[in-house]
C-alpha atoms as a PDB file:
ATOM      1  CA  MET A   1     -34.581  16.913  35.066  1.00  0.00           C
ATOM      2  CA  LYS A   2     -33.254  14.358  37.588  1.00  0.00           C
ATOM      3  CA  HIS A   3     -30.599  13.197  35.088  1.00  0.00           C
ATOM      4  CA  ILE A   4     -29.307  16.720  34.635  1.00  0.00           C
ATOM      5  CA  THR A   5     -29.148  17.021  38.445  1.00  0.00           C
ATOM      6  CA  VAL A   6     -27.144  13.845  38.670  1.00  0.00           C
ATOM      7  CA  LEU A   7     -24.860  15.118  35.902  1.00  0.00           C
ATOM      8  CA  ILE A   8     -24.225  18.405  37.807  1.00  0.00           C
ATOM      9  CA  ILE A   9     -23.572  16.606  41.104  1.00  0.00           C
ATOM     10  CA  GLY A  10     -21.153  14.237  39.342  1.00  0.00           C
ATOM     11  CA  MET A  11     -19.277  17.158  37.753  1.00  0.00           C
ATOM     12  CA  LEU A  12     -18.967  18.923  41.132  1.00  0.00           C
ATOM     13  CA  LEU A  13     -17.657  15.776  42.795  1.00  0.00           C
ATOM     14  CA  LEU A  14     -15.180  15.305  39.982  1.00  0.00           C
ATOM     15  CA  VAL A  15     -13.874  18.903  40.099  1.00  0.00           C
ATOM     16  CA  LEU A  16     -13.726  19.053  43.900  1.00  0.00           C
ATOM     17  CA  GLY A  17     -12.002  15.654  44.107  1.00  0.00           C
ATOM     18  CA  ALA A  18      -9.414  16.484  41.414  1.00  0.00           C
ATOM     19  CA  GLN A  19      -8.651  19.916  42.848  1.00  0.00           C
ATOM     20  CA  GLY A  20      -8.281  18.504  46.341  1.00  0.00           C
ATOM     21  CA  ALA A  21      -6.025  15.683  45.245  1.00  0.00           C
ATOM     22  CA  ILE A  22      -3.800  18.059  43.268  1.00  0.00           C
ATOM     23  CA  ARG A  23      -3.586  20.416  46.215  1.00  0.00           C
ATOM     24  CA  LEU A  24      -2.775  17.561  48.580  1.00  0.00           C
ATOM     25  CA  LEU A  25      -0.075  16.243  46.259  1.00  0.00           C
ATOM     26  CA  ALA A  26       1.547  19.696  45.992  1.00  0.00           C
ATOM     27  CA  ASP A  27       1.374  20.337  49.772  1.00  0.00           C
ATOM     28  CA  HIS A  28       0.979  17.159  51.936  1.00  0.00           C
ATOM     29  CA  ASP A  29      -0.203  19.161  54.924  1.00  0.00           C
ATOM     30  CA  ASN A  30      -3.060  21.005  53.188  1.00  0.00           C
ATOM     31  CA  ALA A  31      -6.027  18.623  53.279  1.00  0.00           C
ATOM     32  CA  GLY A  32      -8.553  21.223  52.210  1.00  0.00           C
ATOM     33  CA  LEU A  33     -12.179  20.044  52.740  1.00  0.00           C
ATOM     34  CA  LEU A  34     -11.067  16.818  54.366  1.00  0.00           C
ATOM     35  CA  ALA A  35      -8.913  18.367  57.125  1.00  0.00           C
ATOM     36  CA  TRP A  36     -11.437  17.142  59.663  1.00  0.00           C
ATOM     37  CA  LEU A  37     -10.908  13.530  58.621  1.00  0.00           C
ATOM     38  CA  PRO A  38      -8.430  11.541  60.785  1.00  0.00           C
ATOM     39  CA  GLY A  39      -5.868   9.298  59.149  1.00  0.00           C
ATOM     40  CA  GLY A  40      -3.437  11.564  57.399  1.00  0.00           C
ATOM     41  CA  PHE A  41      -2.238  11.850  53.859  1.00  0.00           C
ATOM     42  CA  ALA A  42      -3.106   8.338  52.559  1.00  0.00           C
ATOM     43  CA  VAL A  43      -6.678   8.524  53.778  1.00  0.00           C
ATOM     44  CA  TRP A  44      -7.178  12.023  52.475  1.00  0.00           C
ATOM     45  CA  LEU A  45      -5.781  11.085  49.041  1.00  0.00           C
ATOM     46  CA  ALA A  46      -7.939   7.955  48.927  1.00  0.00           C
ATOM     47  CA  CYS A  47     -11.048   9.948  49.660  1.00  0.00           C
ATOM     48  CA  TYR A  48     -10.266  12.537  47.003  1.00  0.00           C
ATOM     49  CA  ALA A  49      -9.604   9.747  44.465  1.00  0.00           C
ATOM     50  CA  ALA A  50     -12.927   8.078  45.427  1.00  0.00           C
ATOM     51  CA  ALA A  51     -14.689  11.418  44.858  1.00  0.00           C
ATOM     52  CA  VAL A  52     -13.042  11.702  41.467  1.00  0.00           C
ATOM     53  CA  VAL A  53     -14.106   8.259  40.426  1.00  0.00           C
ATOM     54  CA  ALA A  54     -17.633   8.580  41.801  1.00  0.00           C
ATOM     55  CA  GLY A  55     -18.034  12.043  40.151  1.00  0.00           C
ATOM     56  CA  ALA A  56     -16.843  10.679  36.787  1.00  0.00           C
ATOM     57  CA  LEU A  57     -19.259   7.698  36.958  1.00  0.00           C
ATOM     58  CA  LEU A  58     -22.187   9.899  38.027  1.00  0.00           C
ATOM     59  CA  ALA A  59     -21.524  12.534  35.349  1.00  0.00           C
ATOM     60  CA  GLY A  60     -21.161   9.864  32.674  1.00  0.00           C
ATOM     61  CA  TRP A  61     -24.349   8.101  33.698  1.00  0.00           C
ATOM     62  CA  GLY A  62     -26.304  11.400  33.954  1.00  0.00           C
ATOM     63  CA  SER A  63     -25.058  12.545  30.580  1.00  0.00           C
ATOM     64  CA  LYS A  64     -25.944   9.307  28.857  1.00  0.00           C
ATOM     65  CA  LYS A  65     -29.446   9.217  30.432  1.00  0.00           C
ATOM     66  CA  ALA A  66     -30.015  12.910  29.583  1.00  0.00           C
ATOM     67  CA  LYS A  67     -29.132  12.287  25.906  1.00  0.00           C
ATOM     68  CA  GLN A  68     -31.432   9.259  25.806  1.00  0.00           C
ATOM     69  CA  SER A  69     -34.315  11.353  27.140  1.00  0.00           C
ATOM     70  CA  GLY A  70     -33.725  14.033  24.540  1.00  0.00           C
ATOM     71  CA  ARG A  71     -32.506  16.754  26.917  1.00  0.00           C
ATOM     72  CA  GLY A  72     -28.891  16.761  25.708  1.00  0.00           C
ATOM     73  CA  GLN A  73     -29.554  18.011  22.155  1.00  0.00           C
END
């Protein structure tokens, strides 16, 4: 069950990071969830990119472990 939870959290991070980065690239002043974070465009984009990478890694790891435990069939 914990591997499925990690998979879901990873997928949420991946989606929120990708959506935020695309929105930020389309409109440089619309930071979305990270509007509270000081630093401007470069910092916001780096945080969204980090969320995408972390989400992809978590989702991949959770998927692999869930399949190994027999829950992904």
